[in-house]
N, C-alpha and C. Protein backbone atom coordinates (compact mmCIF):
# COMPACT_ATOMS: atom_id res chain seq x y z
N MET A 1 -36.52 7.22 44.14
CA MET A 1 -35.55 6.74 43.18
C MET A 1 -34.75 5.62 43.83
N LYS A 2 -34.50 4.59 43.06
CA LYS A 2 -33.71 3.45 43.54
C LYS A 2 -32.61 3.14 42.55
N GLY A 3 -31.45 2.80 43.06
CA GLY A 3 -30.33 2.41 42.22
C GLY A 3 -30.32 0.91 41.98
N ARG A 4 -29.27 0.45 41.40
CA ARG A 4 -29.11 -0.98 41.11
C ARG A 4 -28.01 -1.59 41.96
N ALA A 5 -27.98 -2.91 41.97
CA ALA A 5 -26.93 -3.63 42.70
C ALA A 5 -25.70 -3.76 41.82
N VAL A 6 -24.53 -3.58 42.42
CA VAL A 6 -23.26 -3.79 41.73
C VAL A 6 -22.41 -4.72 42.59
N SER A 7 -21.41 -5.32 41.97
CA SER A 7 -20.51 -6.22 42.67
C SER A 7 -19.15 -5.53 42.79
N VAL A 8 -18.64 -5.40 44.01
CA VAL A 8 -17.39 -4.70 44.27
C VAL A 8 -16.34 -5.69 44.74
N SER A 9 -15.18 -5.67 44.07
CA SER A 9 -14.03 -6.49 44.47
C SER A 9 -12.94 -5.54 44.92
N LEU A 10 -12.66 -5.54 46.23
CA LEU A 10 -11.63 -4.65 46.78
C LEU A 10 -10.24 -5.21 46.53
N ARG A 11 -9.29 -4.33 46.33
CA ARG A 11 -7.90 -4.72 46.07
C ARG A 11 -7.29 -5.30 47.34
N ASP A 12 -6.60 -6.42 47.21
CA ASP A 12 -5.88 -7.04 48.32
C ASP A 12 -4.45 -6.49 48.30
N ARG A 13 -4.18 -5.52 49.13
CA ARG A 13 -2.88 -4.84 49.14
C ARG A 13 -1.78 -5.68 49.81
N THR A 14 -2.12 -6.82 50.40
CA THR A 14 -1.11 -7.66 51.04
C THR A 14 -0.59 -8.73 50.09
N ALA A 15 -1.17 -8.89 48.92
CA ALA A 15 -0.77 -9.94 47.98
C ALA A 15 0.62 -9.66 47.40
N ARG A 16 1.46 -10.67 47.37
CA ARG A 16 2.82 -10.56 46.84
C ARG A 16 3.08 -11.69 45.85
N ASP A 17 3.95 -11.42 44.87
CA ASP A 17 4.33 -12.48 43.94
C ASP A 17 5.51 -13.26 44.52
N ALA A 18 6.06 -14.19 43.74
CA ALA A 18 7.14 -15.05 44.22
C ALA A 18 8.41 -14.26 44.57
N PHE A 19 8.54 -13.04 44.05
CA PHE A 19 9.72 -12.22 44.31
C PHE A 19 9.48 -11.18 45.41
N GLY A 20 8.29 -11.20 46.02
CA GLY A 20 7.97 -10.27 47.08
C GLY A 20 7.42 -8.94 46.63
N ASN A 21 7.17 -8.81 45.33
CA ASN A 21 6.59 -7.57 44.79
C ASN A 21 5.08 -7.57 44.94
N ASP A 22 4.49 -6.38 44.94
CA ASP A 22 3.04 -6.28 44.99
C ASP A 22 2.43 -7.06 43.82
N ALA A 23 1.38 -7.81 44.11
CA ALA A 23 0.68 -8.58 43.07
C ALA A 23 -0.75 -8.06 42.97
N GLU A 24 -1.29 -8.10 41.76
CA GLU A 24 -2.68 -7.67 41.57
C GLU A 24 -3.60 -8.81 41.99
N ALA A 25 -4.26 -8.63 43.12
CA ALA A 25 -5.19 -9.63 43.65
C ALA A 25 -6.36 -8.90 44.30
N TYR A 26 -7.49 -9.58 44.35
CA TYR A 26 -8.72 -8.97 44.86
C TYR A 26 -9.41 -9.90 45.84
N ALA A 27 -10.08 -9.30 46.82
CA ALA A 27 -10.89 -10.05 47.77
C ALA A 27 -12.16 -10.54 47.07
N ASN A 28 -12.86 -11.46 47.70
CA ASN A 28 -14.12 -11.93 47.14
C ASN A 28 -15.08 -10.76 46.96
N PRO A 29 -15.84 -10.75 45.86
CA PRO A 29 -16.75 -9.64 45.62
C PRO A 29 -17.87 -9.56 46.65
N VAL A 30 -18.29 -8.32 46.92
CA VAL A 30 -19.44 -8.07 47.78
C VAL A 30 -20.47 -7.28 46.98
N GLU A 31 -21.73 -7.53 47.25
CA GLU A 31 -22.79 -6.81 46.55
C GLU A 31 -23.14 -5.53 47.30
N VAL A 32 -23.26 -4.46 46.54
CA VAL A 32 -23.67 -3.17 47.09
C VAL A 32 -24.93 -2.76 46.35
N GLY A 33 -26.00 -2.56 47.08
CA GLY A 33 -27.27 -2.19 46.47
C GLY A 33 -27.46 -0.69 46.40
N ASN A 34 -28.43 -0.28 45.61
CA ASN A 34 -28.87 1.11 45.52
C ASN A 34 -27.79 2.06 45.00
N VAL A 35 -27.03 1.62 43.99
CA VAL A 35 -26.00 2.45 43.36
C VAL A 35 -26.60 3.07 42.10
N ILE A 36 -26.48 4.37 41.98
CA ILE A 36 -26.97 5.08 40.79
C ILE A 36 -25.85 5.10 39.75
N VAL A 37 -26.18 4.74 38.50
CA VAL A 37 -25.20 4.73 37.42
C VAL A 37 -25.45 5.93 36.52
N GLN A 38 -24.41 6.74 36.35
CA GLN A 38 -24.47 7.91 35.48
C GLN A 38 -23.52 7.69 34.31
N ARG A 39 -24.07 7.76 33.12
CA ARG A 39 -23.26 7.57 31.93
C ARG A 39 -22.21 8.67 31.82
N GLY A 40 -21.03 8.28 31.41
CA GLY A 40 -19.94 9.24 31.24
C GLY A 40 -19.48 9.26 29.80
N ALA A 41 -18.24 9.61 29.60
CA ALA A 41 -17.67 9.73 28.26
C ALA A 41 -17.35 8.37 27.66
N CYS A 42 -17.43 8.32 26.36
CA CYS A 42 -17.02 7.16 25.59
C CYS A 42 -16.13 7.70 24.48
N GLU A 43 -14.91 7.17 24.37
CA GLU A 43 -14.00 7.72 23.37
C GLU A 43 -13.15 6.63 22.74
N GLU A 44 -12.78 6.86 21.49
CA GLU A 44 -11.86 5.96 20.81
C GLU A 44 -10.46 6.26 21.32
N LEU A 45 -9.59 5.24 21.27
CA LEU A 45 -8.26 5.39 21.86
C LEU A 45 -7.20 5.92 20.91
N GLY A 46 -7.52 6.09 19.64
CA GLY A 46 -6.56 6.69 18.72
C GLY A 46 -6.01 5.70 17.72
N SER A 47 -5.14 6.19 16.86
CA SER A 47 -4.64 5.40 15.75
C SER A 47 -3.79 4.21 16.18
N GLU A 48 -3.16 4.28 17.36
CA GLU A 48 -2.34 3.15 17.81
C GLU A 48 -3.18 1.97 18.26
N ARG A 49 -4.46 2.20 18.55
CA ARG A 49 -5.38 1.12 18.95
C ARG A 49 -6.69 1.32 18.19
N HIS A 50 -6.70 0.91 16.93
CA HIS A 50 -7.82 1.16 16.02
C HIS A 50 -9.17 0.69 16.55
N GLU A 51 -9.18 -0.44 17.22
CA GLU A 51 -10.43 -1.01 17.73
C GLU A 51 -10.68 -0.63 19.19
N GLY A 52 -9.82 0.18 19.76
CA GLY A 52 -9.91 0.49 21.18
C GLY A 52 -10.95 1.55 21.52
N VAL A 53 -11.59 1.34 22.67
CA VAL A 53 -12.56 2.31 23.17
C VAL A 53 -12.48 2.35 24.70
N ARG A 54 -12.67 3.54 25.26
CA ARG A 54 -12.68 3.73 26.71
C ARG A 54 -14.09 4.17 27.10
N VAL A 55 -14.67 3.48 28.06
CA VAL A 55 -16.00 3.83 28.56
C VAL A 55 -15.86 4.27 30.00
N ALA A 56 -16.41 5.43 30.32
CA ALA A 56 -16.34 5.96 31.69
C ALA A 56 -17.75 6.14 32.23
N LEU A 57 -17.91 5.83 33.50
CA LEU A 57 -19.18 6.01 34.21
C LEU A 57 -18.89 6.68 35.55
N THR A 58 -19.91 7.31 36.12
CA THR A 58 -19.84 7.75 37.50
C THR A 58 -20.89 6.96 38.26
N LEU A 59 -20.45 6.27 39.29
CA LEU A 59 -21.36 5.49 40.14
C LEU A 59 -21.55 6.28 41.43
N HIS A 60 -22.79 6.48 41.81
CA HIS A 60 -23.09 7.21 43.04
C HIS A 60 -23.43 6.19 44.12
N PHE A 61 -22.49 6.00 45.04
CA PHE A 61 -22.65 5.00 46.09
C PHE A 61 -23.51 5.54 47.22
N PRO A 62 -24.31 4.66 47.85
CA PRO A 62 -25.19 5.09 48.93
C PRO A 62 -24.41 5.34 50.23
N LYS A 63 -25.04 6.05 51.12
CA LYS A 63 -24.44 6.36 52.42
C LYS A 63 -24.15 5.10 53.23
N THR A 64 -24.82 4.01 52.92
CA THR A 64 -24.60 2.77 53.65
C THR A 64 -23.24 2.16 53.35
N TRP A 65 -22.57 2.57 52.27
CA TRP A 65 -21.24 2.05 51.94
C TRP A 65 -20.21 2.77 52.81
N ALA A 66 -19.37 2.00 53.50
CA ALA A 66 -18.41 2.61 54.40
C ALA A 66 -16.97 2.25 54.05
N GLY A 67 -16.74 1.49 53.00
CA GLY A 67 -15.39 1.05 52.66
C GLY A 67 -14.64 2.01 51.75
N ARG A 68 -13.36 1.75 51.59
CA ARG A 68 -12.51 2.51 50.65
C ARG A 68 -12.50 1.75 49.33
N LEU A 69 -12.50 2.48 48.22
CA LEU A 69 -12.58 1.85 46.91
C LEU A 69 -11.32 2.01 46.07
N ARG A 70 -10.27 2.55 46.62
CA ARG A 70 -9.03 2.73 45.86
C ARG A 70 -8.56 1.39 45.30
N GLY A 71 -8.36 1.33 43.98
CA GLY A 71 -7.87 0.12 43.33
C GLY A 71 -8.90 -0.97 43.12
N ALA A 72 -10.15 -0.73 43.47
CA ALA A 72 -11.18 -1.76 43.37
C ALA A 72 -11.68 -1.94 41.94
N LYS A 73 -12.37 -3.04 41.73
CA LYS A 73 -13.08 -3.30 40.48
C LYS A 73 -14.57 -3.39 40.79
N VAL A 74 -15.38 -2.89 39.87
CA VAL A 74 -16.83 -2.93 40.05
C VAL A 74 -17.43 -3.60 38.82
N GLU A 75 -18.29 -4.58 39.07
CA GLU A 75 -18.94 -5.28 37.97
C GLU A 75 -20.41 -4.90 37.92
N LEU A 76 -20.86 -4.53 36.72
CA LEU A 76 -22.24 -4.14 36.49
C LEU A 76 -22.89 -5.13 35.54
N SER A 77 -24.19 -5.25 35.67
CA SER A 77 -24.95 -6.06 34.73
C SER A 77 -25.92 -5.14 33.99
N GLY A 78 -26.65 -5.70 33.06
CA GLY A 78 -27.65 -4.91 32.35
C GLY A 78 -27.04 -4.05 31.27
N GLU A 79 -27.58 -2.85 31.14
CA GLU A 79 -27.20 -1.94 30.07
C GLU A 79 -25.70 -1.63 30.03
N TYR A 80 -25.06 -1.52 31.17
CA TYR A 80 -23.63 -1.18 31.23
C TYR A 80 -22.80 -2.38 31.69
N ALA A 81 -23.20 -3.58 31.30
CA ALA A 81 -22.55 -4.80 31.74
C ALA A 81 -21.05 -4.77 31.47
N GLY A 82 -20.29 -5.16 32.48
CA GLY A 82 -18.84 -5.24 32.34
C GLY A 82 -18.15 -5.02 33.67
N THR A 83 -16.84 -5.15 33.63
CA THR A 83 -16.02 -4.91 34.81
C THR A 83 -15.28 -3.60 34.61
N TYR A 84 -15.40 -2.72 35.60
CA TYR A 84 -14.83 -1.38 35.54
C TYR A 84 -13.80 -1.21 36.64
N ARG A 85 -12.78 -0.41 36.38
CA ARG A 85 -11.73 -0.11 37.34
C ARG A 85 -12.03 1.25 37.99
N VAL A 86 -11.94 1.30 39.31
CA VAL A 86 -12.16 2.55 40.04
C VAL A 86 -10.97 3.47 39.80
N ILE A 87 -11.25 4.73 39.50
CA ILE A 87 -10.21 5.73 39.27
C ILE A 87 -9.98 6.51 40.56
N GLY A 88 -8.75 6.57 41.00
CA GLY A 88 -8.40 7.36 42.18
C GLY A 88 -8.86 6.74 43.49
N ASP A 89 -9.11 7.58 44.46
CA ASP A 89 -9.50 7.17 45.81
C ASP A 89 -10.75 7.96 46.20
N PRO A 90 -11.93 7.50 45.78
CA PRO A 90 -13.16 8.26 46.04
C PRO A 90 -13.42 8.48 47.53
N MET A 91 -13.91 9.66 47.83
CA MET A 91 -14.24 10.02 49.20
C MET A 91 -15.67 10.55 49.24
N PRO A 92 -16.40 10.28 50.33
CA PRO A 92 -17.77 10.77 50.42
C PRO A 92 -17.83 12.27 50.66
N TYR A 93 -18.96 12.86 50.25
CA TYR A 93 -19.22 14.26 50.55
C TYR A 93 -19.48 14.42 52.05
N GLN A 94 -19.44 15.64 52.52
CA GLN A 94 -19.78 15.91 53.91
C GLN A 94 -21.25 15.57 54.14
N PRO A 95 -21.59 14.92 55.24
CA PRO A 95 -22.97 14.49 55.48
C PRO A 95 -24.01 15.60 55.38
N GLU A 96 -23.68 16.79 55.87
CA GLU A 96 -24.66 17.88 55.85
C GLU A 96 -24.95 18.39 54.44
N LEU A 97 -24.14 18.00 53.46
CA LEU A 97 -24.35 18.43 52.08
C LEU A 97 -25.17 17.43 51.26
N CYS A 98 -25.56 16.32 51.88
CA CYS A 98 -26.23 15.24 51.14
C CYS A 98 -27.56 14.86 51.77
N PRO A 99 -28.64 15.49 51.34
CA PRO A 99 -29.95 15.14 51.89
C PRO A 99 -30.52 13.85 51.30
N THR A 100 -29.91 13.33 50.23
CA THR A 100 -30.41 12.11 49.59
C THR A 100 -29.72 10.88 50.16
N ASP A 101 -29.98 9.71 49.58
CA ASP A 101 -29.37 8.46 50.03
C ASP A 101 -27.93 8.27 49.55
N TRP A 102 -27.46 9.13 48.64
CA TRP A 102 -26.15 8.93 48.02
C TRP A 102 -25.19 10.04 48.40
N ASN A 103 -23.94 9.67 48.71
CA ASN A 103 -23.00 10.70 49.13
C ASN A 103 -21.59 10.51 48.58
N MET A 104 -21.40 9.55 47.66
CA MET A 104 -20.04 9.34 47.16
C MET A 104 -20.04 9.04 45.67
N PRO A 105 -19.58 9.99 44.85
CA PRO A 105 -19.43 9.72 43.42
C PRO A 105 -18.13 8.94 43.19
N VAL A 106 -18.23 7.89 42.40
CA VAL A 106 -17.08 7.04 42.13
C VAL A 106 -16.91 6.96 40.61
N GLU A 107 -15.79 7.47 40.12
CA GLU A 107 -15.51 7.40 38.70
C GLU A 107 -14.87 6.06 38.38
N VAL A 108 -15.40 5.41 37.34
CA VAL A 108 -14.87 4.11 36.91
C VAL A 108 -14.67 4.14 35.39
N GLU A 109 -13.82 3.23 34.92
CA GLU A 109 -13.61 3.13 33.48
C GLU A 109 -13.35 1.68 33.08
N ALA A 110 -13.64 1.42 31.81
CA ALA A 110 -13.32 0.14 31.19
C ALA A 110 -12.71 0.44 29.84
N VAL A 111 -11.64 -0.26 29.51
CA VAL A 111 -10.97 -0.07 28.22
C VAL A 111 -11.04 -1.39 27.48
N ASP A 112 -11.43 -1.32 26.23
CA ASP A 112 -11.60 -2.52 25.41
C ASP A 112 -10.93 -2.29 24.06
N GLY A 113 -10.22 -3.31 23.60
CA GLY A 113 -9.64 -3.26 22.25
C GLY A 113 -8.24 -2.86 22.16
């Protein structure tokens, strides 16, 4: 089994605005290969956002990935094309529990509308 390539943009935690507050900024994207995409929930956002929808996926990152993904954005192409926000601070499973190439589930979401 082989996964697909995704583009990861890590959050730049040193970025500040003109007033010295944290600013939303990202480092240049890096490509990560062999990521398995698992479809998640898709839901409407309710009466306050009639056209709104939330799409959630779980991305299974390979053992070769060694970075932290807290606050990152992940861009996918193909069937699930779009930019997704990483939820939380994903951590890898213990090595002895993962006989396959993948050891870190990463929950992501995109909200539209």
